[in-house]
PDB file of all heavy atoms in Angstrom:
ATOM      1  N   ASN A   1      35.691  12.964  71.728  1.00  0.00           N
ATOM      2  CA  ASN A   1      36.734  12.065  72.239  1.00  0.00           C
ATOM      3  C   ASN A   1      38.099  12.277  71.593  1.00  0.00           C
ATOM      4  O   ASN A   1      38.193  12.654  70.425  1.00  0.00           O
ATOM      5  CB  ASN A   1      36.320  10.611  72.045  1.00  0.00           C
ATOM      6  CG  ASN A   1      36.274  10.177  70.592  1.00  0.00           C
ATOM      7  OD1 ASN A   1      35.262  10.351  69.942  1.00  0.00           O
ATOM      8  ND2 ASN A   1      37.367   9.606  70.089  1.00  0.00           N
ATOM      9  N   PRO A   2      39.158  12.008  72.369  1.00  0.00           N
ATOM     10  CA  PRO A   2      40.504  11.958  71.770  1.00  0.00           C
ATOM     11  C   PRO A   2      40.589  10.771  70.805  1.00  0.00           C
ATOM     12  O   PRO A   2      39.750   9.867  70.844  1.00  0.00           O
ATOM     13  CB  PRO A   2      41.427  11.753  72.970  1.00  0.00           C
ATOM     14  CG  PRO A   2      40.595  11.993  74.178  1.00  0.00           C
ATOM     15  CD  PRO A   2      39.188  11.710  73.806  1.00  0.00           C
ATOM     16  N   CYS A   3      41.614  10.762  69.983  1.00  0.00           N
ATOM     17  CA  CYS A   3      41.815   9.691  69.011  1.00  0.00           C
ATOM     18  C   CYS A   3      41.745   8.318  69.692  1.00  0.00           C
ATOM     19  O   CYS A   3      42.450   8.070  70.679  1.00  0.00           O
ATOM     20  CB  CYS A   3      43.166   9.874  68.322  1.00  0.00           C
ATOM     21  SG  CYS A   3      43.676   8.480  67.303  1.00  0.00           S
ATOM     22  N   SER A   4      40.897   7.437  69.174  1.00  0.00           N
ATOM     23  CA  SER A   4      40.692   6.126  69.803  1.00  0.00           C
ATOM     24  C   SER A   4      41.974   5.294  69.813  1.00  0.00           C
ATOM     25  O   SER A   4      42.319   4.664  70.821  1.00  0.00           O
ATOM     26  CB  SER A   4      39.577   5.364  69.083  1.00  0.00           C
ATOM     27  OG  SER A   4      39.916   5.152  67.714  1.00  0.00           O
ATOM     28  N   VAL A   5      42.706   5.298  68.717  1.00  0.00           N
ATOM     29  CA  VAL A   5      43.934   4.504  68.627  1.00  0.00           C
ATOM     30  C   VAL A   5      44.983   5.023  69.610  1.00  0.00           C
ATOM     31  O   VAL A   5      45.676   4.248  70.277  1.00  0.00           O
ATOM     32  CB  VAL A   5      44.475   4.512  67.186  1.00  0.00           C
ATOM     33  CG1 VAL A   5      45.828   3.808  67.104  1.00  0.00           C
ATOM     34  CG2 VAL A   5      43.470   3.858  66.240  1.00  0.00           C
ATOM     35  N   SER A   6      45.077   6.344  69.714  1.00  0.00           N
ATOM     36  CA  SER A   6      46.022   6.934  70.660  1.00  0.00           C
ATOM     37  C   SER A   6      45.669   6.563  72.100  1.00  0.00           C
ATOM     38  O   SER A   6      46.558   6.380  72.943  1.00  0.00           O
ATOM     39  CB  SER A   6      46.033   8.457  70.511  1.00  0.00           C
ATOM     40  OG  SER A   6      46.565   8.850  69.265  1.00  0.00           O
ATOM     41  N   GLN A   7      44.385   6.452  72.384  1.00  0.00           N
ATOM     42  CA  GLN A   7      43.989   6.067  73.737  1.00  0.00           C
ATOM     43  C   GLN A   7      44.482   4.668  74.082  1.00  0.00           C
ATOM     44  O   GLN A   7      44.982   4.429  75.185  1.00  0.00           O
ATOM     45  CB  GLN A   7      42.472   6.138  73.883  1.00  0.00           C
ATOM     46  CG  GLN A   7      41.900   7.547  73.873  1.00  0.00           C
ATOM     47  CD  GLN A   7      40.422   7.548  74.223  1.00  0.00           C
ATOM     48  OE1 GLN A   7      40.031   7.174  75.315  1.00  0.00           O
ATOM     49  NE2 GLN A   7      39.601   7.985  73.270  1.00  0.00           N
ATOM     50  N   TRP A   8      44.351   3.742  73.134  1.00  0.00           N
ATOM     51  CA  TRP A   8      44.832   2.389  73.402  1.00  0.00           C
ATOM     52  C   TRP A   8      46.353   2.350  73.539  1.00  0.00           C
ATOM     53  O   TRP A   8      46.905   1.582  74.349  1.00  0.00           O
ATOM     54  CB  TRP A   8      44.354   1.436  72.303  1.00  0.00           C
ATOM     55  CG  TRP A   8      42.888   1.124  72.453  1.00  0.00           C
ATOM     56  CD1 TRP A   8      41.850   1.608  71.713  1.00  0.00           C
ATOM     57  CD2 TRP A   8      42.309   0.272  73.446  1.00  0.00           C
ATOM     58  NE1 TRP A   8      40.655   1.122  72.185  1.00  0.00           N
ATOM     59  CE2 TRP A   8      40.907   0.299  73.248  1.00  0.00           C
ATOM     60  CE3 TRP A   8      42.823  -0.506  74.484  1.00  0.00           C
ATOM     61  CZ2 TRP A   8      40.024  -0.422  74.048  1.00  0.00           C
ATOM     62  CZ3 TRP A   8      41.943  -1.226  75.279  1.00  0.00           C
ATOM     63  CH2 TRP A   8      40.563  -1.192  75.062  1.00  0.00           C
ATOM     64  N   ALA A   9      47.038   3.177  72.778  1.00  0.00           N
ATOM     65  CA  ALA A   9      48.489   3.285  72.943  1.00  0.00           C
ATOM     66  C   ALA A   9      48.833   3.804  74.333  1.00  0.00           C
ATOM     67  O   ALA A   9      49.792   3.345  74.970  1.00  0.00           O
ATOM     68  CB  ALA A   9      49.068   4.202  71.866  1.00  0.00           C
ATOM     69  N   ALA A  10      48.051   4.776  74.824  1.00  0.00           N
ATOM     70  CA  ALA A  10      48.298   5.354  76.152  1.00  0.00           C
ATOM     71  C   ALA A  10      48.031   4.335  77.259  1.00  0.00           C
ATOM     72  O   ALA A  10      48.694   4.369  78.311  1.00  0.00           O
ATOM     73  CB  ALA A  10      47.433   6.593  76.344  1.00  0.00           C
ATOM     74  N   VAL A  11      47.061   3.444  77.066  1.00  0.00           N
ATOM     75  CA  VAL A  11      46.838   2.364  78.033  1.00  0.00           C
ATOM     76  C   VAL A  11      48.114   1.553  78.208  1.00  0.00           C
ATOM     77  O   VAL A  11      48.553   1.257  79.325  1.00  0.00           O
ATOM     78  CB  VAL A  11      45.668   1.450  77.590  1.00  0.00           C
ATOM     79  CG1 VAL A  11      45.595   0.203  78.479  1.00  0.00           C
ATOM     80  CG2 VAL A  11      44.350   2.200  77.626  1.00  0.00           C
ATOM     81  N   GLU A  12      48.748   1.205  77.088  1.00  0.00           N
ATOM     82  CA  GLU A  12      49.994   0.439  77.154  1.00  0.00           C
ATOM     83  C   GLU A  12      51.113   1.270  77.775  1.00  0.00           C
ATOM     84  O   GLU A  12      51.931   0.752  78.538  1.00  0.00           O
ATOM     85  CB  GLU A  12      50.394  -0.041  75.761  1.00  0.00           C
ATOM     86  CG  GLU A  12      51.751  -0.733  75.686  1.00  0.00           C
ATOM     87  CD  GLU A  12      51.836  -2.003  76.523  1.00  0.00           C
ATOM     88  OE1 GLU A  12      50.780  -2.612  76.813  1.00  0.00           O
ATOM     89  OE2 GLU A  12      52.966  -2.395  76.885  1.00  0.00           O
ATOM     90  N   ALA A  13      51.154   2.567  77.464  1.00  0.00           N
ATOM     91  CA  ALA A  13      52.194   3.432  78.039  1.00  0.00           C
ATOM     92  C   ALA A  13      52.125   3.419  79.562  1.00  0.00           C
ATOM     93  O   ALA A  13      53.151   3.288  80.240  1.00  0.00           O
ATOM     94  CB  ALA A  13      52.038   4.852  77.507  1.00  0.00           C
ATOM     95  N   LEU A  14      50.931   3.532  80.102  1.00  0.00           N
ATOM     96  CA  LEU A  14      50.780   3.612  81.554  1.00  0.00           C
ATOM     97  C   LEU A  14      50.886   2.248  82.226  1.00  0.00           C
ATOM     98  O   LEU A  14      51.432   2.128  83.327  1.00  0.00           O
ATOM     99  CB  LEU A  14      49.443   4.260  81.908  1.00  0.00           C
ATOM    100  CG  LEU A  14      49.272   5.729  81.502  1.00  0.00           C
ATOM    101  CD1 LEU A  14      47.895   6.243  81.909  1.00  0.00           C
ATOM    102  CD2 LEU A  14      50.359   6.607  82.125  1.00  0.00           C
ATOM    103  N   ASN A  15      50.355   1.208  81.577  1.00  0.00           N
ATOM    104  CA  ASN A  15      50.337  -0.125  82.193  1.00  0.00           C
ATOM    105  C   ASN A  15      51.566  -0.962  81.872  1.00  0.00           C
ATOM    106  O   ASN A  15      51.893  -1.889  82.599  1.00  0.00           O
ATOM    107  CB  ASN A  15      49.101  -0.906  81.735  1.00  0.00           C
ATOM    108  CG  ASN A  15      47.812  -0.389  82.344  1.00  0.00           C
ATOM    109  OD1 ASN A  15      47.836   0.357  83.320  1.00  0.00           O
ATOM    110  ND2 ASN A  15      46.678  -0.784  81.768  1.00  0.00           N
ATOM    111  N   GLY A  16      52.228  -0.651  80.753  1.00  0.00           N
ATOM    112  CA  GLY A  16      53.334  -1.476  80.288  1.00  0.00           C
ATOM    113  C   GLY A  16      54.652  -1.170  80.965  1.00  0.00           C
ATOM    114  O   GLY A  16      54.711  -0.428  81.961  1.00  0.00           O
ATOM    115  N   THR A  17      55.722  -1.717  80.420  1.00  0.00           N
ATOM    116  CA  THR A  17      57.048  -1.532  81.004  1.00  0.00           C
ATOM    117  C   THR A  17      57.441  -0.051  81.046  1.00  0.00           C
ATOM    118  O   THR A  17      57.132   0.712  80.133  1.00  0.00           O
ATOM    119  CB  THR A  17      58.111  -2.313  80.204  1.00  0.00           C
ATOM    120  OG1 THR A  17      59.396  -2.079  80.806  1.00  0.00           O
ATOM    121  CG2 THR A  17      58.150  -1.881  78.742  1.00  0.00           C
ATOM    122  N   GLN A  18      58.132   0.288  82.105  1.00  0.00           N
ATOM    123  CA  GLN A  18      58.666   1.643  82.262  1.00  0.00           C
ATOM    124  C   GLN A  18      60.200   1.618  82.186  1.00  0.00           C
ATOM    125  O   GLN A  18      60.871   2.591  82.550  1.00  0.00           O
ATOM    126  CB  GLN A  18      58.233   2.242  83.619  1.00  0.00           C
ATOM    127  CG  GLN A  18      56.737   2.125  83.914  1.00  0.00           C
ATOM    128  CD  GLN A  18      55.883   3.024  83.043  1.00  0.00           C
ATOM    129  OE1 GLN A  18      56.008   4.243  83.082  1.00  0.00           O
ATOM    130  NE2 GLN A  18      54.984   2.422  82.263  1.00  0.00           N
ATOM    131  N   ASP A  19      60.749   0.534  81.680  1.00  0.00           N
ATOM    132  CA  ASP A  19      62.200   0.324  81.705  1.00  0.00           C
ATOM    133  C   ASP A  19      62.979   1.342  80.878  1.00  0.00           C
ATOM    134  O   ASP A  19      64.173   1.565  81.123  1.00  0.00           O
ATOM    135  CB  ASP A  19      62.537  -1.090  81.219  1.00  0.00           C
ATOM    136  CG  ASP A  19      62.138  -2.168  82.212  1.00  0.00           C
ATOM    137  OD1 ASP A  19      61.802  -1.809  83.360  1.00  0.00           O
ATOM    138  OD2 ASP A  19      62.135  -3.362  81.837  1.00  0.00           O
ATOM    139  N   PHE A  20      62.347   1.937  79.893  1.00  0.00           N
ATOM    140  CA  PHE A  20      63.046   2.881  79.021  1.00  0.00           C
ATOM    141  C   PHE A  20      63.242   4.249  79.679  1.00  0.00           C
ATOM    142  O   PHE A  20      64.045   5.058  79.204  1.00  0.00           O
ATOM    143  CB  PHE A  20      62.281   3.060  77.709  1.00  0.00           C
ATOM    144  CG  PHE A  20      60.864   3.508  77.907  1.00  0.00           C
ATOM    145  CD1 PHE A  20      60.543   4.844  78.017  1.00  0.00           C
ATOM    146  CD2 PHE A  20      59.842   2.571  78.002  1.00  0.00           C
ATOM    147  CE1 PHE A  20      59.236   5.256  78.218  1.00  0.00           C
ATOM    148  CE2 PHE A  20      58.533   2.965  78.200  1.00  0.00           C
ATOM    149  CZ  PHE A  20      58.225   4.318  78.309  1.00  0.00           C
ATOM    150  N   LEU A  21      62.526   4.518  80.773  1.00  0.00           N
ATOM    151  CA  LEU A  21      62.596   5.849  81.385  1.00  0.00           C
ATOM    152  C   LEU A  21      63.998   6.146  81.926  1.00  0.00           C
ATOM    153  O   LEU A  21      64.533   7.236  81.719  1.00  0.00           O
ATOM    154  CB  LEU A  21      61.563   5.981  82.507  1.00  0.00           C
ATOM    155  CG  LEU A  21      60.090   5.968  82.083  1.00  0.00           C
ATOM    156  CD1 LEU A  21      59.177   5.974  83.312  1.00  0.00           C
ATOM    157  CD2 LEU A  21      59.781   7.159  81.187  1.00  0.00           C
ATOM    158  N   ALA A  22      64.602   5.195  82.617  1.00  0.00           N
ATOM    159  CA  ALA A  22      65.919   5.427  83.230  1.00  0.00           C
ATOM    160  C   ALA A  22      67.004   5.700  82.187  1.00  0.00           C
ATOM    161  O   ALA A  22      67.740   6.690  82.315  1.00  0.00           O
ATOM    162  CB  ALA A  22      66.302   4.254  84.132  1.00  0.00           C
ATOM    163  N   PRO A  23      67.141   4.884  81.143  1.00  0.00           N
ATOM    164  CA  PRO A  23      68.166   5.212  80.138  1.00  0.00           C
ATOM    165  C   PRO A  23      67.880   6.516  79.399  1.00  0.00           C
ATOM    166  O   PRO A  23      68.812   7.247  79.044  1.00  0.00           O
ATOM    167  CB  PRO A  23      68.145   4.012  79.190  1.00  0.00           C
ATOM    168  CG  PRO A  23      66.899   3.258  79.485  1.00  0.00           C
ATOM    169  CD  PRO A  23      66.557   3.543  80.896  1.00  0.00           C
ATOM    170  N   ASN A  24      66.619   6.819  79.142  1.00  0.00           N
ATOM    171  CA  ASN A  24      66.295   8.105  78.520  1.00  0.00           C
ATOM    172  C   ASN A  24      66.737   9.261  79.408  1.00  0.00           C
ATOM    173  O   ASN A  24      67.290  10.274  78.934  1.00  0.00           O
ATOM    174  CB  ASN A  24      64.793   8.206  78.246  1.00  0.00           C
ATOM    175  CG  ASN A  24      64.358   7.392  77.033  1.00  0.00           C
ATOM    176  OD1 ASN A  24      65.171   6.719  76.413  1.00  0.00           O
ATOM    177  ND2 ASN A  24      63.077   7.451  76.715  1.00  0.00           N
ATOM    178  N   ASN A  25      66.484   9.114  80.710  1.00  0.00           N
ATOM    179  CA  ASN A  25      66.881  10.171  81.643  1.00  0.00           C
ATOM    180  C   ASN A  25      68.396  10.333  81.714  1.00  0.00           C
ATOM    181  O   ASN A  25      68.903  11.441  81.872  1.00  0.00           O
ATOM    182  CB  ASN A  25      66.306   9.899  83.036  1.00  0.00           C
ATOM    183  CG  ASN A  25      64.839  10.294  83.144  1.00  0.00           C
ATOM    184  OD1 ASN A  25      64.232  10.722  82.158  1.00  0.00           O
ATOM    185  ND2 ASN A  25      64.259  10.165  84.325  1.00  0.00           N
ATOM    186  N   GLU A  26      69.119   9.230  81.607  1.00  0.00           N
ATOM    187  CA  GLU A  26      70.581   9.319  81.584  1.00  0.00           C
ATOM    188  C   GLU A  26      71.044  10.159  80.396  1.00  0.00           C
ATOM    189  O   GLU A  26      71.983  10.960  80.511  1.00  0.00           O
ATOM    190  CB  GLU A  26      71.193   7.920  81.531  1.00  0.00           C
ATOM    191  CG  GLU A  26      71.056   7.117  82.818  1.00  0.00           C
ATOM    192  CD  GLU A  26      71.629   5.714  82.688  1.00  0.00           C
ATOM    193  OE1 GLU A  26      72.284   5.435  81.654  1.00  0.00           O
ATOM    194  OE2 GLU A  26      71.412   4.897  83.598  1.00  0.00           O
ATOM    195  N   THR A  27      70.382   9.967  79.273  1.00  0.00           N
ATOM    196  CA  THR A  27      70.710  10.760  78.081  1.00  0.00           C
ATOM    197  C   THR A  27      70.405  12.233  78.312  1.00  0.00           C
ATOM    198  O   THR A  27      71.209  13.110  77.972  1.00  0.00           O
ATOM    199  CB  THR A  27      69.914  10.245  76.866  1.00  0.00           C
ATOM    200  OG1 THR A  27      70.279   8.884  76.609  1.00  0.00           O
ATOM    201  CG2 THR A  27      70.202  11.084  75.626  1.00  0.00           C
ATOM    202  N   PHE A  28      69.264  12.516  78.922  1.00  0.00           N
ATOM    203  CA  PHE A  28      68.893  13.903  79.192  1.00  0.00           C
ATOM    204  C   PHE A  28      69.868  14.572  80.166  1.00  0.00           C
ATOM    205  O   PHE A  28      70.216  15.738  80.010  1.00  0.00           O
ATOM    206  CB  PHE A  28      67.467  13.984  79.751  1.00  0.00           C
ATOM    207  CG  PHE A  28      66.399  13.942  78.700  1.00  0.00           C
ATOM    208  CD1 PHE A  28      65.239  13.208  78.899  1.00  0.00           C
ATOM    209  CD2 PHE A  28      66.521  14.645  77.509  1.00  0.00           C
ATOM    210  CE1 PHE A  28      64.233  13.176  77.944  1.00  0.00           C
ATOM    211  CE2 PHE A  28      65.521  14.612  76.538  1.00  0.00           C
ATOM    212  CZ  PHE A  28      64.377  13.877  76.760  1.00  0.00           C
ATOM    213  N   VAL A  29      70.313  13.829  81.169  1.00  0.00           N
ATOM    214  CA  VAL A  29      71.265  14.394  82.136  1.00  0.00           C
ATOM    215  C   VAL A  29      72.573  14.752  81.435  1.00  0.00           C
ATOM    216  O   VAL A  29      73.146  15.826  81.667  1.00  0.00           O
ATOM    217  CB  VAL A  29      71.518  13.402  83.297  1.00  0.00           C
ATOM    218  CG1 VAL A  29      72.718  13.853  84.125  1.00  0.00           C
ATOM    219  CG2 VAL A  29      70.286  13.304  84.186  1.00  0.00           C
ATOM    220  N   ARG A  30      73.042  13.866  80.575  1.00  0.00           N
ATOM    221  CA  ARG A  30      74.278  14.152  79.842  1.00  0.00           C
ATOM    222  C   ARG A  30      74.120  15.400  78.974  1.00  0.00           C
ATOM    223  O   ARG A  30      75.001  16.265  78.933  1.00  0.00           O
ATOM    224  CB  ARG A  30      74.634  12.944  78.967  1.00  0.00           C
ATOM    225  CG  ARG A  30      75.976  13.097  78.243  1.00  0.00           C
ATOM    226  CD  ARG A  30      76.299  11.903  77.378  1.00  0.00           C
ATOM    227  NE  ARG A  30      75.420  11.785  76.221  1.00  0.00           N
ATOM    228  CZ  ARG A  30      74.532  10.807  76.062  1.00  0.00           C
ATOM    229  NH1 ARG A  30      74.402   9.864  76.972  1.00  0.00           N
ATOM    230  NH2 ARG A  30      73.771  10.764  74.970  1.00  0.00           N
ATOM    231  N   ARG A  31      73.011  15.512  78.305  1.00  0.00           N
ATOM    232  CA  ARG A  31      72.759  16.677  77.458  1.00  0.00           C
ATOM    233  C   ARG A  31      72.615  17.941  78.297  1.00  0.00           C
ATOM    234  O   ARG A  31      73.127  19.008  77.924  1.00  0.00           O
ATOM    235  CB  ARG A  31      71.494  16.451  76.632  1.00  0.00           C
ATOM    236  CG  ARG A  31      71.630  15.331  75.604  1.00  0.00           C
ATOM    237  CD  ARG A  31      70.289  15.022  74.963  1.00  0.00           C
ATOM    238  NE  ARG A  31      70.409  14.041  73.879  1.00  0.00           N
ATOM    239  CZ  ARG A  31      69.367  13.562  73.199  1.00  0.00           C
ATOM    240  NH1 ARG A  31      68.140  13.980  73.494  1.00  0.00           N
ATOM    241  NH2 ARG A  31      69.561  12.691  72.238  1.00  0.00           N
ATOM    242  N   ARG A  32      71.898  17.836  79.403  1.00  0.00           N
ATOM    243  CA  ARG A  32      71.747  19.000  80.291  1.00  0.00           C
ATOM    244  C   ARG A  32      73.100  19.511  80.754  1.00  0.00           C
ATOM    245  O   ARG A  32      73.378  20.717  80.692  1.00  0.00           O
ATOM    246  CB  ARG A  32      70.899  18.610  81.509  1.00  0.00           C
ATOM    247  CG  ARG A  32      70.707  19.726  82.537  1.00  0.00           C
ATOM    248  CD  ARG A  32      70.352  19.191  83.910  1.00  0.00           C
ATOM    249  NE  ARG A  32      71.421  18.368  84.482  1.00  0.00           N
ATOM    250  CZ  ARG A  32      71.371  17.821  85.687  1.00  0.00           C
ATOM    251  NH1 ARG A  32      70.300  17.971  86.444  1.00  0.00           N
ATOM    252  NH2 ARG A  32      72.386  17.106  86.141  1.00  0.00           N
ATOM    253  N   ASP A  33      73.940  18.595  81.209  1.00  0.00           N
ATOM    254  CA  ASP A  33      75.241  19.002  81.734  1.00  0.00           C
ATOM    255  C   ASP A  33      76.112  19.634  80.652  1.00  0.00           C
ATOM    256  O   ASP A  33      76.867  20.578  80.918  1.00  0.00           O
ATOM    257  CB  ASP A  33      75.947  17.798  82.359  1.00  0.00           C
ATOM    258  CG  ASP A  33      75.250  17.306  83.627  1.00  0.00           C
ATOM    259  OD1 ASP A  33      74.398  18.052  84.161  1.00  0.00           O
ATOM    260  OD2 ASP A  33      75.557  16.187  84.077  1.00  0.00           O
ATOM    261  N   LEU A  34      76.008  19.119  79.428  1.00  0.00           N
ATOM    262  CA  LEU A  34      76.747  19.693  78.304  1.00  0.00           C
ATOM    263  C   LEU A  34      76.316  21.141  78.063  1.00  0.00           C
ATOM    264  O   LEU A  34      77.154  22.043  77.946  1.00  0.00           O
ATOM    265  CB  LEU A  34      76.512  18.857  77.043  1.00  0.00           C
ATOM    266  CG  LEU A  34      76.989  19.460  75.712  1.00  0.00           C
ATOM    267  CD1 LEU A  34      78.508  19.518  75.663  1.00  0.00           C
ATOM    268  CD2 LEU A  34      76.441  18.658  74.535  1.00  0.00           C
TER     269      LEU A  34
END
C-alpha cells in the first residue's frame, strides 16, 4: 500500500475545496509569459 497518511490527505485533496487552483494557475500563466 501507499503511505496511509498520504492517502487520507489525498481524500481531502479530491473532495475538499478547489479554490486554490485558479490563483495558482494565474501565477503559472504570469511565469509562463515571462
